[in-house]
Amino acid sequence: LGAVIGAIAGGGKGAAIGAGSGAAVGTG
């Protein structure tokens, strides 16, 4: 989910950042 949101917001680099953020939210 974070990767999808990141890709929409910032392209390929945003997808990577979004995936990391999404994993952190899931762990929390």
mmCIF file of all heavy atoms, coordinates in Angstrom:
data_MODEL
# 
_entry.id   MODEL 
# 
loop_
_atom_site.group_PDB 
_atom_site.id 
_atom_site.type_symbol 
_atom_site.label_atom_id 
_atom_site.label_alt_id 
_atom_site.label_comp_id 
_atom_site.label_asym_id 
_atom_site.label_entity_id 
_atom_site.label_seq_id 
_atom_site.pdbx_PDB_ins_code 
_atom_site.Cartn_x 
_atom_site.Cartn_y 
_atom_site.Cartn_z 
_atom_site.occupancy 
_atom_site.B_iso_or_equiv 
_atom_site.pdbx_formal_charge 
_atom_site.auth_seq_id 
_atom_site.auth_comp_id 
_atom_site.auth_asym_id 
_atom_site.auth_atom_id 
_atom_site.pdbx_PDB_model_num 
ATOM 1   N N   . LEU A 1 1  ? 0.833  -1.194 0.000  1.00 0.00 ? 1  LEU A N   1 
ATOM 2   C CA  . LEU A 1 1  ? 0.000  0.000  0.000  1.00 0.00 ? 1  LEU A CA  1 
ATOM 3   C C   . LEU A 1 1  ? 0.872  1.251  0.000  1.00 0.00 ? 1  LEU A C   1 
ATOM 4   O O   . LEU A 1 1  ? 0.623  2.204  -0.746 1.00 0.00 ? 1  LEU A O   1 
ATOM 5   C CB  . LEU A 1 1  ? -0.928 0.003  1.216  1.00 0.00 ? 1  LEU A CB  1 
ATOM 6   C CG  . LEU A 1 1  ? -1.836 1.230  1.370  1.00 0.00 ? 1  LEU A CG  1 
ATOM 7   C CD1 . LEU A 1 1  ? -2.778 1.346  0.183  1.00 0.00 ? 1  LEU A CD1 1 
ATOM 8   C CD2 . LEU A 1 1  ? -2.623 1.146  2.660  1.00 0.00 ? 1  LEU A CD2 1 
ATOM 9   N N   . GLY A 1 2  ? 1.932  1.239  0.804  1.00 0.00 ? 2  GLY A N   1 
ATOM 10  C CA  . GLY A 1 2  ? 2.845  2.383  0.843  1.00 0.00 ? 2  GLY A CA  1 
ATOM 11  C C   . GLY A 1 2  ? 3.531  2.604  -0.497 1.00 0.00 ? 2  GLY A C   1 
ATOM 12  O O   . GLY A 1 2  ? 3.724  3.747  -0.933 1.00 0.00 ? 2  GLY A O   1 
ATOM 13  N N   . ALA A 1 3  ? 3.902  1.515  -1.181 1.00 0.00 ? 3  ALA A N   1 
ATOM 14  C CA  . ALA A 1 3  ? 4.543  1.630  -2.490 1.00 0.00 ? 3  ALA A CA  1 
ATOM 15  C C   . ALA A 1 3  ? 3.591  2.260  -3.499 1.00 0.00 ? 3  ALA A C   1 
ATOM 16  O O   . ALA A 1 3  ? 3.992  3.122  -4.294 1.00 0.00 ? 3  ALA A O   1 
ATOM 17  C CB  . ALA A 1 3  ? 5.000  0.255  -2.974 1.00 0.00 ? 3  ALA A CB  1 
ATOM 18  N N   . VAL A 1 4  ? 2.338  1.864  -3.500 1.00 0.00 ? 4  VAL A N   1 
ATOM 19  C CA  . VAL A 1 4  ? 1.351  2.417  -4.426 1.00 0.00 ? 4  VAL A CA  1 
ATOM 20  C C   . VAL A 1 4  ? 1.176  3.916  -4.161 1.00 0.00 ? 4  VAL A C   1 
ATOM 21  O O   . VAL A 1 4  ? 1.204  4.737  -5.087 1.00 0.00 ? 4  VAL A O   1 
ATOM 22  C CB  . VAL A 1 4  ? -0.003 1.677  -4.299 1.00 0.00 ? 4  VAL A CB  1 
ATOM 23  C CG1 . VAL A 1 4  ? -1.097 2.396  -5.059 1.00 0.00 ? 4  VAL A CG1 1 
ATOM 24  C CG2 . VAL A 1 4  ? 0.138  0.245  -4.802 1.00 0.00 ? 4  VAL A CG2 1 
ATOM 25  N N   . ILE A 1 5  ? 1.006  4.274  -2.894 1.00 0.00 ? 5  ILE A N   1 
ATOM 26  C CA  . ILE A 1 5  ? 0.828  5.690  -2.548 1.00 0.00 ? 5  ILE A CA  1 
ATOM 27  C C   . ILE A 1 5  ? 2.078  6.490  -2.925 1.00 0.00 ? 5  ILE A C   1 
ATOM 28  O O   . ILE A 1 5  ? 1.995  7.573  -3.501 1.00 0.00 ? 5  ILE A O   1 
ATOM 29  C CB  . ILE A 1 5  ? 0.485  5.858  -1.053 1.00 0.00 ? 5  ILE A CB  1 
ATOM 30  C CG1 . ILE A 1 5  ? -0.901 5.260  -0.783 1.00 0.00 ? 5  ILE A CG1 1 
ATOM 31  C CG2 . ILE A 1 5  ? 0.540  7.328  -0.629 1.00 0.00 ? 5  ILE A CG2 1 
ATOM 32  C CD1 . ILE A 1 5  ? -1.251 5.135  0.684  1.00 0.00 ? 5  ILE A CD1 1 
ATOM 33  N N   . GLY A 1 6  ? 3.269  5.917  -2.637 1.00 0.00 ? 6  GLY A N   1 
ATOM 34  C CA  . GLY A 1 6  ? 4.526  6.597  -2.980 1.00 0.00 ? 6  GLY A CA  1 
ATOM 35  C C   . GLY A 1 6  ? 4.699  6.769  -4.475 1.00 0.00 ? 6  GLY A C   1 
ATOM 36  O O   . GLY A 1 6  ? 5.176  7.810  -4.946 1.00 0.00 ? 6  GLY A O   1 
ATOM 37  N N   . ALA A 1 7  ? 4.304  5.773  -5.270 1.00 0.00 ? 7  ALA A N   1 
ATOM 38  C CA  . ALA A 1 7  ? 4.439  5.856  -6.728 1.00 0.00 ? 7  ALA A CA  1 
ATOM 39  C C   . ALA A 1 7  ? 3.533  6.947  -7.286 1.00 0.00 ? 7  ALA A C   1 
ATOM 40  O O   . ALA A 1 7  ? 3.924  7.693  -8.177 1.00 0.00 ? 7  ALA A O   1 
ATOM 41  C CB  . ALA A 1 7  ? 4.084  4.506  -7.361 1.00 0.00 ? 7  ALA A CB  1 
ATOM 42  N N   . ILE A 1 8  ? 2.353  7.046  -6.744 1.00 0.00 ? 8  ILE A N   1 
ATOM 43  C CA  . ILE A 1 8  ? 1.422  8.085  -7.192 1.00 0.00 ? 8  ILE A CA  1 
ATOM 44  C C   . ILE A 1 8  ? 1.996  9.459  -6.855 1.00 0.00 ? 8  ILE A C   1 
ATOM 45  O O   . ILE A 1 8  ? 1.974  10.381 -7.670 1.00 0.00 ? 8  ILE A O   1 
ATOM 46  C CB  . ILE A 1 8  ? 0.034  7.901  -6.541 1.00 0.00 ? 8  ILE A CB  1 
ATOM 47  C CG1 . ILE A 1 8  ? -0.624 6.630  -7.083 1.00 0.00 ? 8  ILE A CG1 1 
ATOM 48  C CG2 . ILE A 1 8  ? -0.856 9.113  -6.768 1.00 0.00 ? 8  ILE A CG2 1 
ATOM 49  C CD1 . ILE A 1 8  ? -1.875 6.202  -6.346 1.00 0.00 ? 8  ILE A CD1 1 
ATOM 50  N N   . ALA A 1 9  ? 2.576  9.571  -5.663 1.00 0.00 ? 9  ALA A N   1 
ATOM 51  C CA  . ALA A 1 9  ? 3.076  10.867 -5.212 1.00 0.00 ? 9  ALA A CA  1 
ATOM 52  C C   . ALA A 1 9  ? 4.411  11.232 -5.837 1.00 0.00 ? 9  ALA A C   1 
ATOM 53  O O   . ALA A 1 9  ? 4.666  12.401 -6.110 1.00 0.00 ? 9  ALA A O   1 
ATOM 54  C CB  . ALA A 1 9  ? 3.209  10.869 -3.693 1.00 0.00 ? 9  ALA A CB  1 
ATOM 55  N N   . GLY A 1 10 ? 5.297  10.260 -6.068 1.00 0.00 ? 10 GLY A N   1 
ATOM 56  C CA  . GLY A 1 10 ? 6.635  10.652 -6.505 1.00 0.00 ? 10 GLY A CA  1 
ATOM 57  C C   . GLY A 1 10 ? 7.315  9.725  -7.476 1.00 0.00 ? 10 GLY A C   1 
ATOM 58  O O   . GLY A 1 10 ? 8.543  9.673  -7.541 1.00 0.00 ? 10 GLY A O   1 
ATOM 59  N N   . GLY A 1 11 ? 6.592  8.930  -8.241 1.00 0.00 ? 11 GLY A N   1 
ATOM 60  C CA  . GLY A 1 11 ? 7.205  8.057  -9.233 1.00 0.00 ? 11 GLY A CA  1 
ATOM 61  C C   . GLY A 1 11 ? 7.947  6.897  -8.587 1.00 0.00 ? 11 GLY A C   1 
ATOM 62  O O   . GLY A 1 11 ? 7.637  6.483  -7.476 1.00 0.00 ? 11 GLY A O   1 
ATOM 63  N N   . GLY A 1 12 ? 8.986  6.373  -9.289 1.00 0.00 ? 12 GLY A N   1 
ATOM 64  C CA  . GLY A 1 12 ? 9.732  5.194  -8.840 1.00 0.00 ? 12 GLY A CA  1 
ATOM 65  C C   . GLY A 1 12 ? 10.401 5.399  -7.494 1.00 0.00 ? 12 GLY A C   1 
ATOM 66  O O   . GLY A 1 12 ? 10.378 4.527  -6.629 1.00 0.00 ? 12 GLY A O   1 
ATOM 67  N N   . LYS A 1 13 ? 11.058 6.559  -7.301 1.00 0.00 ? 13 LYS A N   1 
ATOM 68  C CA  . LYS A 1 13 ? 11.708 6.839  -6.022 1.00 0.00 ? 13 LYS A CA  1 
ATOM 69  C C   . LYS A 1 13 ? 10.672 6.924  -4.908 1.00 0.00 ? 13 LYS A C   1 
ATOM 70  O O   . LYS A 1 13 ? 10.871 6.419  -3.802 1.00 0.00 ? 13 LYS A O   1 
ATOM 71  C CB  . LYS A 1 13 ? 12.492 8.146  -6.121 1.00 0.00 ? 13 LYS A CB  1 
ATOM 72  C CG  . LYS A 1 13 ? 13.291 8.476  -4.886 1.00 0.00 ? 13 LYS A CG  1 
ATOM 73  C CD  . LYS A 1 13 ? 14.105 9.748  -5.085 1.00 0.00 ? 13 LYS A CD  1 
ATOM 74  C CE  . LYS A 1 13 ? 14.861 10.091 -3.823 1.00 0.00 ? 13 LYS A CE  1 
ATOM 75  N NZ  . LYS A 1 13 ? 15.577 11.350 -3.942 1.00 0.00 ? 13 LYS A NZ  1 
ATOM 76  N N   . GLY A 1 14 ? 9.539  7.496  -5.187 1.00 0.00 ? 14 GLY A N   1 
ATOM 77  C CA  . GLY A 1 14 ? 8.456  7.594  -4.202 1.00 0.00 ? 14 GLY A CA  1 
ATOM 78  C C   . GLY A 1 14 ? 7.915  6.219  -3.832 1.00 0.00 ? 14 GLY A C   1 
ATOM 79  O O   . GLY A 1 14 ? 7.542  5.983  -2.682 1.00 0.00 ? 14 GLY A O   1 
ATOM 80  N N   . ALA A 1 15 ? 7.898  5.293  -4.787 1.00 0.00 ? 15 ALA A N   1 
ATOM 81  C CA  . ALA A 1 15 ? 7.406  3.946  -4.514 1.00 0.00 ? 15 ALA A CA  1 
ATOM 82  C C   . ALA A 1 15 ? 8.312  3.252  -3.507 1.00 0.00 ? 15 ALA A C   1 
ATOM 83  O O   . ALA A 1 15 ? 7.842  2.592  -2.577 1.00 0.00 ? 15 ALA A O   1 
ATOM 84  C CB  . ALA A 1 15 ? 7.324  3.127  -5.800 1.00 0.00 ? 15 ALA A CB  1 
ATOM 85  N N   . ALA A 1 16 ? 9.626  3.393  -3.653 1.00 0.00 ? 16 ALA A N   1 
ATOM 86  C CA  . ALA A 1 16 ? 10.569 2.763  -2.721 1.00 0.00 ? 16 ALA A CA  1 
ATOM 87  C C   . ALA A 1 16 ? 10.421 3.351  -1.325 1.00 0.00 ? 16 ALA A C   1 
ATOM 88  O O   . ALA A 1 16 ? 10.400 2.622  -0.334 1.00 0.00 ? 16 ALA A O   1 
ATOM 89  C CB  . ALA A 1 16 ? 11.997 2.939  -3.223 1.00 0.00 ? 16 ALA A CB  1 
ATOM 90  N N   . ILE A 1 17 ? 10.315 4.666  -1.258 1.00 0.00 ? 17 ILE A N   1 
ATOM 91  C CA  . ILE A 1 17 ? 10.144 5.327  0.042  1.00 0.00 ? 17 ILE A CA  1 
ATOM 92  C C   . ILE A 1 17 ? 8.811  4.909  0.655  1.00 0.00 ? 17 ILE A C   1 
ATOM 93  O O   . ILE A 1 17 ? 8.731  4.584  1.841  1.00 0.00 ? 17 ILE A O   1 
ATOM 94  C CB  . ILE A 1 17 ? 10.230 6.866  -0.101 1.00 0.00 ? 17 ILE A CB  1 
ATOM 95  C CG1 . ILE A 1 17 ? 11.659 7.270  -0.509 1.00 0.00 ? 17 ILE A CG1 1 
ATOM 96  C CG2 . ILE A 1 17 ? 9.809  7.568  1.190  1.00 0.00 ? 17 ILE A CG2 1 
ATOM 97  C CD1 . ILE A 1 17 ? 11.789 8.713  -0.941 1.00 0.00 ? 17 ILE A CD1 1 
ATOM 98  N N   . GLY A 1 18 ? 7.759  4.868  -0.143 1.00 0.00 ? 18 GLY A N   1 
ATOM 99  C CA  . GLY A 1 18 ? 6.435  4.486  0.337  1.00 0.00 ? 18 GLY A CA  1 
ATOM 100 C C   . GLY A 1 18 ? 6.405  3.050  0.842  1.00 0.00 ? 18 GLY A C   1 
ATOM 101 O O   . GLY A 1 18 ? 5.761  2.744  1.843  1.00 0.00 ? 18 GLY A O   1 
ATOM 102 N N   . ALA A 1 19 ? 7.116  2.145  0.164  1.00 0.00 ? 19 ALA A N   1 
ATOM 103 C CA  . ALA A 1 19 ? 7.147  0.742  0.596  1.00 0.00 ? 19 ALA A CA  1 
ATOM 104 C C   . ALA A 1 19 ? 7.797  0.633  1.968  1.00 0.00 ? 19 ALA A C   1 
ATOM 105 O O   . ALA A 1 19 ? 7.312  -0.066 2.853  1.00 0.00 ? 19 ALA A O   1 
ATOM 106 C CB  . ALA A 1 19 ? 7.905  -0.118 -0.422 1.00 0.00 ? 19 ALA A CB  1 
ATOM 107 N N   . GLY A 1 20 ? 8.906  1.347  2.165  1.00 0.00 ? 20 GLY A N   1 
ATOM 108 C CA  . GLY A 1 20 ? 9.576  1.326  3.474  1.00 0.00 ? 20 GLY A CA  1 
ATOM 109 C C   . GLY A 1 20 ? 8.696  1.908  4.556  1.00 0.00 ? 20 GLY A C   1 
ATOM 110 O O   . GLY A 1 20 ? 8.595  1.354  5.658  1.00 0.00 ? 20 GLY A O   1 
ATOM 111 N N   . SER A 1 21 ? 8.030  2.997  4.262  1.00 0.00 ? 21 SER A N   1 
ATOM 112 C CA  . SER A 1 21 ? 7.141  3.618  5.242  1.00 0.00 ? 21 SER A CA  1 
ATOM 113 C C   . SER A 1 21 ? 5.963  2.712  5.551  1.00 0.00 ? 21 SER A C   1 
ATOM 114 O O   . SER A 1 21 ? 5.551  2.567  6.706  1.00 0.00 ? 21 SER A O   1 
ATOM 115 C CB  . SER A 1 21 ? 6.611  4.953  4.723  1.00 0.00 ? 21 SER A CB  1 
ATOM 116 O OG  . SER A 1 21 ? 7.684  5.853  4.540  1.00 0.00 ? 21 SER A OG  1 
ATOM 117 N N   . GLY A 1 22 ? 5.424  2.077  4.518  1.00 0.00 ? 22 GLY A N   1 
ATOM 118 C CA  . GLY A 1 22 ? 4.294  1.170  4.719  1.00 0.00 ? 22 GLY A CA  1 
ATOM 119 C C   . GLY A 1 22 ? 4.680  -0.014 5.585  1.00 0.00 ? 22 GLY A C   1 
ATOM 120 O O   . GLY A 1 22 ? 3.919  -0.431 6.466  1.00 0.00 ? 22 GLY A O   1 
ATOM 121 N N   . ALA A 1 23 ? 5.876  -0.576 5.386  1.00 0.00 ? 23 ALA A N   1 
ATOM 122 C CA  . ALA A 1 23 ? 6.329  -1.700 6.208  1.00 0.00 ? 23 ALA A CA  1 
ATOM 123 C C   . ALA A 1 23 ? 6.479  -1.258 7.655  1.00 0.00 ? 23 ALA A C   1 
ATOM 124 O O   . ALA A 1 23 ? 6.118  -1.984 8.581  1.00 0.00 ? 23 ALA A O   1 
ATOM 125 C CB  . ALA A 1 23 ? 7.649  -2.250 5.678  1.00 0.00 ? 23 ALA A CB  1 
ATOM 126 N N   . ALA A 1 24 ? 7.002  -0.072 7.872  1.00 0.00 ? 24 ALA A N   1 
ATOM 127 C CA  . ALA A 1 24 ? 7.167  0.440  9.240  1.00 0.00 ? 24 ALA A CA  1 
ATOM 128 C C   . ALA A 1 24 ? 5.806  0.608  9.907  1.00 0.00 ? 24 ALA A C   1 
ATOM 129 O O   . ALA A 1 24 ? 5.631  0.262  11.074 1.00 0.00 ? 24 ALA A O   1 
ATOM 130 C CB  . ALA A 1 24 ? 7.921  1.764  9.227  1.00 0.00 ? 24 ALA A CB  1 
ATOM 131 N N   . VAL A 1 25 ? 4.818  1.129  9.178  1.00 0.00 ? 25 VAL A N   1 
ATOM 132 C CA  . VAL A 1 25 ? 3.477  1.292  9.729  1.00 0.00 ? 25 VAL A CA  1 
ATOM 133 C C   . VAL A 1 25 ? 2.879  -0.073 10.050 1.00 0.00 ? 25 VAL A C   1 
ATOM 134 O O   . VAL A 1 25 ? 2.273  -0.283 11.092 1.00 0.00 ? 25 VAL A O   1 
ATOM 135 C CB  . VAL A 1 25 ? 2.569  2.078  8.749  1.00 0.00 ? 25 VAL A CB  1 
ATOM 136 C CG1 . VAL A 1 25 ? 1.115  1.994  9.170  1.00 0.00 ? 25 VAL A CG1 1 
ATOM 137 C CG2 . VAL A 1 25 ? 3.026  3.520  8.683  1.00 0.00 ? 25 VAL A CG2 1 
ATOM 138 N N   . GLY A 1 26 ? 3.062  -1.068 9.168  1.00 0.00 ? 26 GLY A N   1 
ATOM 139 C CA  . GLY A 1 26 ? 2.542  -2.417 9.399  1.00 0.00 ? 26 GLY A CA  1 
ATOM 140 C C   . GLY A 1 26 ? 3.150  -3.043 10.633 1.00 0.00 ? 26 GLY A C   1 
ATOM 141 O O   . GLY A 1 26 ? 2.459  -3.662 11.441 1.00 0.00 ? 26 GLY A O   1 
ATOM 142 N N   . THR A 1 27 ? 4.456  -2.872 10.835 1.00 0.00 ? 27 THR A N   1 
ATOM 143 C CA  . THR A 1 27 ? 5.127  -3.417 12.009 1.00 0.00 ? 27 THR A CA  1 
ATOM 144 C C   . THR A 1 27 ? 4.566  -2.762 13.268 1.00 0.00 ? 27 THR A C   1 
ATOM 145 O O   . THR A 1 27 ? 4.276  -3.433 14.251 1.00 0.00 ? 27 THR A O   1 
ATOM 146 C CB  . THR A 1 27 ? 6.652  -3.201 11.923 1.00 0.00 ? 27 THR A CB  1 
ATOM 147 O OG1 . THR A 1 27 ? 7.114  -3.815 10.724 1.00 0.00 ? 27 THR A OG1 1 
ATOM 148 C CG2 . THR A 1 27 ? 7.357  -3.798 13.113 1.00 0.00 ? 27 THR A CG2 1 
ATOM 149 N N   . GLY A 1 28 ? 4.374  -1.464 13.232 1.00 0.00 ? 28 GLY A N   1 
ATOM 150 C CA  . GLY A 1 28 ? 3.812  -0.763 14.383 1.00 0.00 ? 28 GLY A CA  1 
ATOM 151 C C   . GLY A 1 28 ? 2.413  -1.263 14.706 1.00 0.00 ? 28 GLY A C   1 
ATOM 152 O O   . GLY A 1 28 ? 2.063  -1.462 15.857 1.00 0.00 ? 28 GLY A O   1 
# 
